[in-house]
Amino acid sequence: MERPDDRVPSVFRFATELVAWVATPWALARYSWPAAVLSLVVLIGGPAVFATPGDKNKVVVPVPGWVTVVFVLLQLVAAVVSAWWLWPAWAAVPVTLLAAATLRTEQPRWRWLMSSAG
């Protein structure tokens, strides 16, 4: 199976990741600075270190495709939960819609990750 075109999904994925990277430590910092720092280590460091061969040009620690899918799902959940925790509905609803769009556009990549790359 050939790797699907990832240009449009990567825009949605990156936008959702940005929300997760900002909102999650912001939400957690109210309760625990160590938890806020740990969230950044997991949300940014995890996918930077662990990657599926063929999905990134440089892979530090190779993992099966399902691990990459789990990292993306973690980012989506973190973005949505943190947005609803921190912000009013008028700000959290667009984040939820962005995460839903990401979830939809990621499907071809996830099928590829689960079949040929993992």
Protein backbone atom coordinates (compact mmCIF):
# COMPACT_ATOMS: atom_id res chain seq x y z
CA MET A 1 0.00 0.00 0.00
CA GLU A 2 1.39 3.39 -1.00
CA ARG A 3 1.68 6.19 1.57
CA PRO A 4 -1.28 8.56 1.09
CA ASP A 5 -0.91 12.26 0.31
CA ASP A 6 -0.58 13.89 3.71
CA ARG A 7 -0.47 17.59 2.82
CA VAL A 8 -4.00 18.59 3.87
CA PRO A 9 -4.24 16.24 6.87
CA SER A 10 -0.89 17.50 8.16
CA VAL A 11 -2.23 21.07 8.29
CA PHE A 12 -5.19 19.99 10.42
CA ARG A 13 -2.97 17.73 12.52
CA PHE A 14 -0.40 20.47 13.17
CA ALA A 15 -3.06 23.05 14.07
CA THR A 16 -4.58 20.62 16.56
CA GLU A 17 -1.14 19.81 17.97
CA LEU A 18 -0.48 23.52 18.51
CA VAL A 19 -3.68 23.83 20.51
CA ALA A 20 -2.73 20.78 22.59
CA TRP A 21 0.81 22.11 23.16
CA VAL A 22 -0.49 25.47 24.39
CA ALA A 23 -3.74 24.61 26.16
CA THR A 24 -2.73 21.43 28.00
CA PRO A 25 0.22 22.81 29.98
CA TRP A 26 -1.72 26.03 30.51
CA ALA A 27 -4.61 24.07 32.03
CA LEU A 28 -2.35 21.85 34.12
CA ALA A 29 -0.14 24.69 35.37
CA ARG A 30 -3.02 25.92 37.49
CA TYR A 31 -2.68 22.74 39.56
CA SER A 32 0.85 21.44 39.07
CA TRP A 33 3.89 22.83 37.26
CA PRO A 34 5.51 19.39 37.05
CA ALA A 35 2.35 18.03 35.37
CA ALA A 36 2.42 20.93 32.92
CA VAL A 37 6.04 20.20 32.02
CA LEU A 38 5.34 16.47 31.78
CA SER A 39 2.47 17.16 29.38
CA LEU A 40 4.89 18.96 27.06
CA VAL A 41 7.39 16.12 27.28
CA VAL A 42 4.66 13.62 26.33
CA LEU A 43 2.86 15.73 23.70
CA ILE A 44 5.96 17.09 21.94
CA GLY A 45 8.80 14.77 22.96
CA GLY A 46 6.97 11.49 22.52
CA PRO A 47 6.14 11.90 18.82
CA ALA A 48 9.54 13.51 18.19
CA VAL A 49 11.39 10.48 19.54
CA PHE A 50 9.06 7.60 18.68
CA ALA A 51 8.00 7.39 15.04
CA THR A 52 6.93 4.85 12.47
CA PRO A 53 9.52 4.23 9.75
CA GLY A 54 8.31 5.71 6.46
CA ASP A 55 6.09 8.25 8.20
CA LYS A 56 9.00 10.58 9.03
CA ASN A 57 12.31 11.15 7.28
CA LYS A 58 14.36 10.66 10.45
CA VAL A 59 13.26 8.14 13.05
CA VAL A 60 15.05 8.07 16.41
CA VAL A 61 13.18 5.11 17.91
CA PRO A 62 11.13 3.08 15.42
CA VAL A 63 7.66 2.02 16.56
CA PRO A 64 4.74 0.26 14.88
CA GLY A 65 2.07 2.34 13.15
CA TRP A 66 -0.48 1.92 15.92
CA VAL A 67 1.83 3.83 18.30
CA THR A 68 1.84 6.82 15.95
CA VAL A 69 -1.96 6.65 15.75
CA VAL A 70 -2.16 6.63 19.56
CA PHE A 71 0.07 9.71 19.74
CA VAL A 72 -2.21 11.58 17.33
CA LEU A 73 -5.30 10.52 19.28
CA LEU A 74 -3.64 11.72 22.49
CA GLN A 75 -3.00 15.12 20.87
CA LEU A 76 -6.63 15.37 19.72
CA VAL A 77 -8.02 14.46 23.14
CA ALA A 78 -5.62 16.82 24.91
CA ALA A 79 -6.58 19.71 22.63
CA VAL A 80 -10.33 19.22 23.05
CA VAL A 81 -10.34 18.50 26.79
CA SER A 82 -7.97 21.38 27.54
CA ALA A 83 -9.93 23.80 25.38
CA TRP A 84 -13.20 22.98 27.17
CA TRP A 85 -11.45 23.12 30.54
CA LEU A 86 -9.86 26.54 29.92
CA TRP A 87 -11.90 28.49 27.47
CA PRO A 88 -15.49 29.58 26.89
CA ALA A 89 -17.64 27.62 24.46
CA TRP A 90 -17.09 30.11 21.62
CA ALA A 91 -13.37 29.16 21.72
CA ALA A 92 -13.73 25.48 22.59
CA VAL A 93 -16.26 24.68 19.84
CA PRO A 94 -13.82 25.59 17.00
CA VAL A 95 -11.13 23.46 18.65
CA THR A 96 -13.57 20.55 18.79
CA LEU A 97 -14.45 21.05 15.11
CA LEU A 98 -10.74 21.24 14.24
CA ALA A 99 -10.11 17.97 16.08
CA ALA A 100 -13.07 16.36 14.29
CA ALA A 101 -11.69 17.50 10.93
CA THR A 102 -8.29 16.14 11.89
CA LEU A 103 -9.83 12.83 12.89
CA ARG A 104 -11.59 12.61 9.51
CA THR A 105 -8.63 13.64 7.35
CA GLU A 106 -6.23 11.31 9.20
CA GLN A 107 -8.12 8.14 8.21
CA PRO A 108 -6.14 7.31 5.03
CA ARG A 109 -2.84 7.84 6.85
CA TRP A 110 -3.99 5.73 9.77
CA ARG A 111 -5.04 2.90 7.45
CA TRP A 112 -1.60 3.08 5.85
CA LEU A 113 0.14 3.17 9.25
CA MET A 114 -1.84 0.18 10.49
CA SER A 115 -1.27 -1.91 7.36
CA SER A 116 2.10 -1.31 5.75
CA ALA A 117 4.13 0.73 8.20
CA GLY A 118 3.37 -1.05 11.41
